[in-house]
């Protein structure tokens, strides 16, 4: 089998099976993508923190379905996050969320 494609949507593994790139194979992994999506969801869903506090995830699920799930494998994960948020993926949102959450606790 040939070399893996660097920007392709699918590739063949050593056994010849067709494999799609995953978020874990992206430059920063999946967590910063989730943080960027969550930041955008908070902007679009003003009462999202209250919904989460009340274990009501219907609004967030609806947002994720509209912005990401319905697109399936149309785009690579970096492009999907860009289409959903309007921002290029970076570790910055994840870093700021972690600092906000743990900064006071650990004196960061």
N, C-alpha and C. Protein backbone atom coordinates (compact mmCIF):
# COMPACT_ATOMS: atom_id res chain seq x y z
N UNK A 1 0.84 -1.18 0.00
CA UNK A 1 0.00 0.00 0.00
C UNK A 1 0.89 1.24 0.00
N UNK A 2 0.36 2.36 -0.42
CA UNK A 2 1.15 3.57 -0.57
C UNK A 2 1.35 4.32 0.73
N UNK A 3 2.00 5.46 0.62
CA UNK A 3 2.22 6.35 1.75
C UNK A 3 0.89 6.95 2.19
N UNK A 4 0.82 7.36 3.46
CA UNK A 4 -0.36 8.05 3.95
C UNK A 4 -0.45 9.42 3.29
N UNK A 5 -1.65 9.87 3.01
CA UNK A 5 -1.83 11.21 2.46
C UNK A 5 -1.71 12.22 3.58
N UNK A 6 -1.00 13.29 3.33
CA UNK A 6 -0.82 14.28 4.40
C UNK A 6 -2.05 15.17 4.58
N UNK A 7 -2.78 15.49 3.52
CA UNK A 7 -3.95 16.36 3.64
C UNK A 7 -5.22 15.68 3.15
N UNK A 8 -5.16 14.41 2.77
CA UNK A 8 -6.32 13.73 2.23
C UNK A 8 -7.35 13.43 3.29
N UNK A 9 -8.54 13.07 2.84
CA UNK A 9 -9.60 12.76 3.78
C UNK A 9 -9.57 11.32 4.22
N UNK A 10 -8.92 10.46 3.49
CA UNK A 10 -8.83 9.05 3.88
C UNK A 10 -7.49 8.51 3.45
N UNK A 11 -7.12 7.40 4.05
CA UNK A 11 -5.86 6.76 3.70
C UNK A 11 -6.02 5.27 3.94
N UNK A 12 -5.04 4.52 3.57
CA UNK A 12 -5.06 3.08 3.79
C UNK A 12 -4.03 2.73 4.86
N UNK A 13 -4.45 1.90 5.81
CA UNK A 13 -3.50 1.48 6.83
C UNK A 13 -2.67 0.30 6.30
N UNK A 14 -1.84 -0.28 7.13
CA UNK A 14 -0.94 -1.34 6.68
C UNK A 14 -1.68 -2.58 6.19
N UNK A 15 -2.92 -2.76 6.61
CA UNK A 15 -3.71 -3.91 6.17
C UNK A 15 -4.59 -3.57 4.96
N UNK A 16 -4.48 -2.37 4.44
CA UNK A 16 -5.25 -1.97 3.28
C UNK A 16 -6.63 -1.42 3.61
N UNK A 17 -6.94 -1.27 4.91
CA UNK A 17 -8.23 -0.73 5.30
C UNK A 17 -8.23 0.78 5.14
N UNK A 18 -9.34 1.32 4.71
CA UNK A 18 -9.46 2.76 4.55
C UNK A 18 -9.69 3.39 5.93
N UNK A 19 -8.87 4.37 6.28
CA UNK A 19 -8.92 4.99 7.60
C UNK A 19 -8.98 6.50 7.43
N UNK A 20 -9.86 7.15 8.21
CA UNK A 20 -9.93 8.61 8.20
C UNK A 20 -9.07 9.18 9.32
N UNK A 21 -8.48 10.35 9.09
CA UNK A 21 -7.75 11.00 10.18
C UNK A 21 -8.70 11.32 11.33
N UNK A 22 -8.20 11.28 12.56
CA UNK A 22 -9.02 11.59 13.72
C UNK A 22 -8.52 12.87 14.36
N UNK A 23 -9.31 13.38 15.30
CA UNK A 23 -8.89 14.58 16.01
C UNK A 23 -7.57 14.36 16.74
N UNK A 24 -7.34 13.15 17.21
CA UNK A 24 -6.11 12.88 17.94
C UNK A 24 -4.89 13.05 17.05
N UNK A 25 -5.07 12.95 15.72
CA UNK A 25 -3.95 13.11 14.80
C UNK A 25 -3.72 14.56 14.41
N UNK A 26 -4.58 15.45 14.88
CA UNK A 26 -4.41 16.86 14.57
C UNK A 26 -3.29 17.44 15.42
N UNK A 27 -2.80 18.64 15.08
CA UNK A 27 -1.63 19.18 15.76
C UNK A 27 -1.73 19.24 17.29
N UNK A 28 -2.93 19.54 17.83
CA UNK A 28 -3.04 19.68 19.28
C UNK A 28 -3.94 18.64 19.90
N UNK A 29 -4.43 17.67 19.15
CA UNK A 29 -5.35 16.68 19.70
C UNK A 29 -6.77 17.21 19.76
N UNK A 30 -7.64 16.50 20.42
CA UNK A 30 -9.07 16.82 20.42
C UNK A 30 -9.48 17.86 21.44
N UNK A 31 -8.79 17.97 22.55
CA UNK A 31 -9.25 18.84 23.64
C UNK A 31 -9.32 20.31 23.25
N UNK A 32 -8.31 20.89 22.61
CA UNK A 32 -8.45 22.30 22.21
C UNK A 32 -9.60 22.52 21.23
N UNK A 33 -9.91 21.54 20.39
CA UNK A 33 -11.03 21.67 19.48
C UNK A 33 -12.32 21.76 20.28
N UNK A 34 -12.45 20.92 21.29
CA UNK A 34 -13.64 20.93 22.14
C UNK A 34 -13.77 22.27 22.86
N UNK A 35 -12.65 22.80 23.32
CA UNK A 35 -12.68 24.08 24.02
C UNK A 35 -13.13 25.21 23.09
N UNK A 36 -12.65 25.20 21.87
CA UNK A 36 -13.05 26.23 20.90
C UNK A 36 -14.53 26.10 20.57
N UNK A 37 -15.00 24.88 20.37
CA UNK A 37 -16.42 24.66 20.10
C UNK A 37 -17.27 25.10 21.29
N UNK A 38 -16.82 24.80 22.50
CA UNK A 38 -17.56 25.19 23.69
C UNK A 38 -17.62 26.70 23.84
N UNK A 39 -16.51 27.38 23.59
CA UNK A 39 -16.50 28.85 23.64
C UNK A 39 -17.54 29.42 22.68
N UNK A 40 -17.58 28.89 21.46
CA UNK A 40 -18.53 29.39 20.47
C UNK A 40 -19.97 29.06 20.86
N UNK A 41 -20.18 27.86 21.41
CA UNK A 41 -21.53 27.49 21.86
C UNK A 41 -22.01 28.42 22.96
N UNK A 42 -21.09 28.84 23.85
CA UNK A 42 -21.47 29.78 24.91
C UNK A 42 -21.88 31.13 24.33
N UNK A 43 -21.24 31.55 23.25
CA UNK A 43 -21.63 32.81 22.62
C UNK A 43 -23.01 32.69 21.96
N UNK A 44 -23.28 31.55 21.35
CA UNK A 44 -24.54 31.37 20.64
C UNK A 44 -25.70 31.01 21.57
N UNK A 45 -25.40 30.35 22.67
CA UNK A 45 -26.43 29.93 23.63
C UNK A 45 -26.19 30.66 24.94
N UNK A 46 -26.84 31.79 25.10
CA UNK A 46 -26.56 32.68 26.23
C UNK A 46 -26.73 32.00 27.60
N UNK A 47 -27.68 31.10 27.72
CA UNK A 47 -27.92 30.46 29.01
C UNK A 47 -27.30 29.07 29.12
N UNK A 48 -26.27 28.79 28.34
CA UNK A 48 -25.65 27.48 28.34
C UNK A 48 -25.13 27.06 29.71
N UNK A 49 -24.43 27.93 30.46
CA UNK A 49 -23.97 27.49 31.79
C UNK A 49 -25.12 27.07 32.70
N UNK A 50 -26.23 27.79 32.64
CA UNK A 50 -27.39 27.42 33.46
C UNK A 50 -27.98 26.09 32.97
N UNK A 51 -28.04 25.89 31.66
CA UNK A 51 -28.55 24.63 31.13
C UNK A 51 -27.70 23.46 31.62
N UNK A 52 -26.39 23.63 31.60
CA UNK A 52 -25.49 22.56 32.05
C UNK A 52 -25.66 22.33 33.55
N UNK A 53 -25.80 23.41 34.30
CA UNK A 53 -26.01 23.29 35.74
C UNK A 53 -27.25 22.46 36.05
N UNK A 54 -28.26 22.59 35.23
CA UNK A 54 -29.51 21.85 35.42
C UNK A 54 -29.52 20.53 34.65
N UNK A 55 -28.36 20.11 34.15
CA UNK A 55 -28.21 18.85 33.39
C UNK A 55 -29.16 18.82 32.19
N UNK A 56 -29.37 19.97 31.58
CA UNK A 56 -30.20 20.07 30.37
C UNK A 56 -29.25 20.30 29.20
N UNK A 57 -28.94 19.24 28.48
CA UNK A 57 -27.97 19.31 27.39
C UNK A 57 -28.62 19.40 26.02
N UNK A 58 -29.94 19.57 25.98
CA UNK A 58 -30.65 19.61 24.70
C UNK A 58 -30.18 20.79 23.84
N UNK A 59 -29.98 21.94 24.43
CA UNK A 59 -29.53 23.11 23.67
C UNK A 59 -28.14 22.90 23.08
N UNK A 60 -27.23 22.38 23.89
CA UNK A 60 -25.87 22.11 23.41
C UNK A 60 -25.87 21.02 22.35
N UNK A 61 -26.67 19.98 22.56
CA UNK A 61 -26.75 18.91 21.57
C UNK A 61 -27.30 19.43 20.25
N UNK A 62 -28.33 20.26 20.32
CA UNK A 62 -28.88 20.86 19.10
C UNK A 62 -27.85 21.71 18.39
N UNK A 63 -27.08 22.49 19.15
CA UNK A 63 -26.04 23.34 18.56
C UNK A 63 -24.99 22.47 17.89
N UNK A 64 -24.53 21.42 18.57
CA UNK A 64 -23.53 20.52 18.00
C UNK A 64 -24.05 19.82 16.75
N UNK A 65 -25.31 19.42 16.77
CA UNK A 65 -25.88 18.77 15.58
C UNK A 65 -25.91 19.73 14.40
N UNK A 66 -26.29 20.97 14.66
CA UNK A 66 -26.37 21.96 13.58
C UNK A 66 -24.99 22.34 13.06
N UNK A 67 -24.04 22.54 13.95
CA UNK A 67 -22.72 23.06 13.56
C UNK A 67 -21.72 21.99 13.16
N UNK A 68 -21.83 20.79 13.72
CA UNK A 68 -20.81 19.78 13.44
C UNK A 68 -21.37 18.44 12.96
N UNK A 69 -22.29 17.86 13.72
CA UNK A 69 -22.73 16.49 13.42
C UNK A 69 -23.31 16.34 12.02
N UNK A 70 -24.08 17.30 11.57
CA UNK A 70 -24.74 17.16 10.28
C UNK A 70 -23.77 17.15 9.10
N UNK A 71 -22.57 17.59 9.33
CA UNK A 71 -21.58 17.63 8.25
C UNK A 71 -20.83 16.31 8.10
N UNK A 72 -20.95 15.44 9.09
CA UNK A 72 -20.32 14.13 8.99
C UNK A 72 -18.85 14.22 8.64
N UNK A 73 -18.47 13.58 7.55
CA UNK A 73 -17.06 13.54 7.15
C UNK A 73 -16.79 14.46 5.97
N UNK A 74 -17.59 15.50 5.85
CA UNK A 74 -17.42 16.43 4.72
C UNK A 74 -16.07 17.13 4.76
N UNK A 75 -15.61 17.52 5.95
CA UNK A 75 -14.36 18.25 6.09
C UNK A 75 -13.45 17.56 7.08
N UNK A 76 -12.16 17.87 7.00
CA UNK A 76 -11.22 17.46 8.05
C UNK A 76 -11.61 18.19 9.32
N UNK A 77 -11.17 17.70 10.45
CA UNK A 77 -11.57 18.27 11.73
C UNK A 77 -11.20 19.75 11.87
N UNK A 78 -10.03 20.15 11.37
CA UNK A 78 -9.64 21.56 11.48
C UNK A 78 -10.61 22.45 10.69
N UNK A 79 -11.01 22.01 9.51
CA UNK A 79 -11.95 22.79 8.70
C UNK A 79 -13.35 22.78 9.32
N UNK A 80 -13.75 21.66 9.91
CA UNK A 80 -15.05 21.57 10.57
C UNK A 80 -15.12 22.56 11.73
N UNK A 81 -14.08 22.61 12.54
CA UNK A 81 -14.05 23.54 13.66
C UNK A 81 -14.08 24.98 13.15
N UNK A 82 -13.36 25.26 12.08
CA UNK A 82 -13.37 26.60 11.51
C UNK A 82 -14.77 26.96 11.01
N UNK A 83 -15.43 26.04 10.31
CA UNK A 83 -16.77 26.30 9.81
C UNK A 83 -17.76 26.53 10.95
N UNK A 84 -17.61 25.79 12.05
CA UNK A 84 -18.53 25.90 13.18
C UNK A 84 -18.29 27.14 14.02
N UNK A 85 -17.04 27.59 14.10
CA UNK A 85 -16.71 28.67 15.04
C UNK A 85 -16.26 29.96 14.38
N UNK A 86 -15.78 29.87 13.14
CA UNK A 86 -15.23 31.04 12.48
C UNK A 86 -13.81 31.36 12.92
N UNK A 87 -13.20 30.47 13.68
CA UNK A 87 -11.84 30.69 14.18
C UNK A 87 -10.96 29.50 13.81
N UNK A 88 -9.68 29.78 13.57
CA UNK A 88 -8.73 28.72 13.31
C UNK A 88 -8.44 27.98 14.61
N UNK A 89 -8.40 26.67 14.58
CA UNK A 89 -8.09 25.92 15.80
C UNK A 89 -6.73 26.29 16.37
N UNK A 90 -6.68 26.45 17.68
CA UNK A 90 -5.43 26.73 18.38
C UNK A 90 -5.59 26.25 19.82
N UNK A 91 -4.48 26.10 20.53
CA UNK A 91 -4.58 25.67 21.92
C UNK A 91 -5.00 26.79 22.88
N UNK A 92 -5.10 28.03 22.41
CA UNK A 92 -5.39 29.17 23.27
C UNK A 92 -6.71 29.05 24.04
N UNK A 93 -7.85 28.70 23.41
CA UNK A 93 -9.09 28.58 24.19
C UNK A 93 -9.01 27.53 25.29
N UNK A 94 -8.35 26.43 25.01
CA UNK A 94 -8.19 25.38 26.01
C UNK A 94 -7.34 25.90 27.17
N UNK A 95 -6.26 26.56 26.84
CA UNK A 95 -5.38 27.11 27.86
C UNK A 95 -6.11 28.12 28.74
N UNK A 96 -6.89 29.00 28.13
CA UNK A 96 -7.61 30.00 28.92
C UNK A 96 -8.68 29.36 29.79
N UNK A 97 -9.38 28.33 29.27
CA UNK A 97 -10.38 27.64 30.09
C UNK A 97 -9.74 26.93 31.28
N UNK A 98 -8.60 26.29 31.04
CA UNK A 98 -7.91 25.60 32.14
C UNK A 98 -7.39 26.60 33.18
N UNK A 99 -6.86 27.72 32.72
CA UNK A 99 -6.38 28.75 33.64
C UNK A 99 -7.53 29.32 34.45
N UNK A 100 -8.67 29.56 33.79
CA UNK A 100 -9.84 30.08 34.48
C UNK A 100 -10.34 29.08 35.52
N UNK A 101 -10.37 27.81 35.16
CA UNK A 101 -10.90 26.79 36.06
C UNK A 101 -9.95 26.48 37.21
N UNK A 102 -8.65 26.37 36.92
CA UNK A 102 -7.71 25.92 37.94
C UNK A 102 -6.77 27.02 38.44
N UNK A 103 -6.82 28.20 37.84
CA UNK A 103 -5.90 29.27 38.21
C UNK A 103 -5.97 29.66 39.67
N UNK A 104 -7.16 29.88 40.17
CA UNK A 104 -7.31 30.28 41.56
C UNK A 104 -6.90 29.14 42.51
N UNK A 105 -7.30 27.93 42.14
CA UNK A 105 -7.00 26.76 42.96
C UNK A 105 -5.50 26.54 43.12
N UNK A 106 -4.76 26.69 42.01
CA UNK A 106 -3.32 26.42 42.03
C UNK A 106 -2.47 27.67 41.97
N UNK A 107 -3.07 28.84 42.06
CA UNK A 107 -2.32 30.08 42.06
C UNK A 107 -1.63 30.38 40.75
N UNK A 108 -2.32 30.10 39.64
CA UNK A 108 -1.73 30.34 38.32
C UNK A 108 -2.00 31.75 37.85
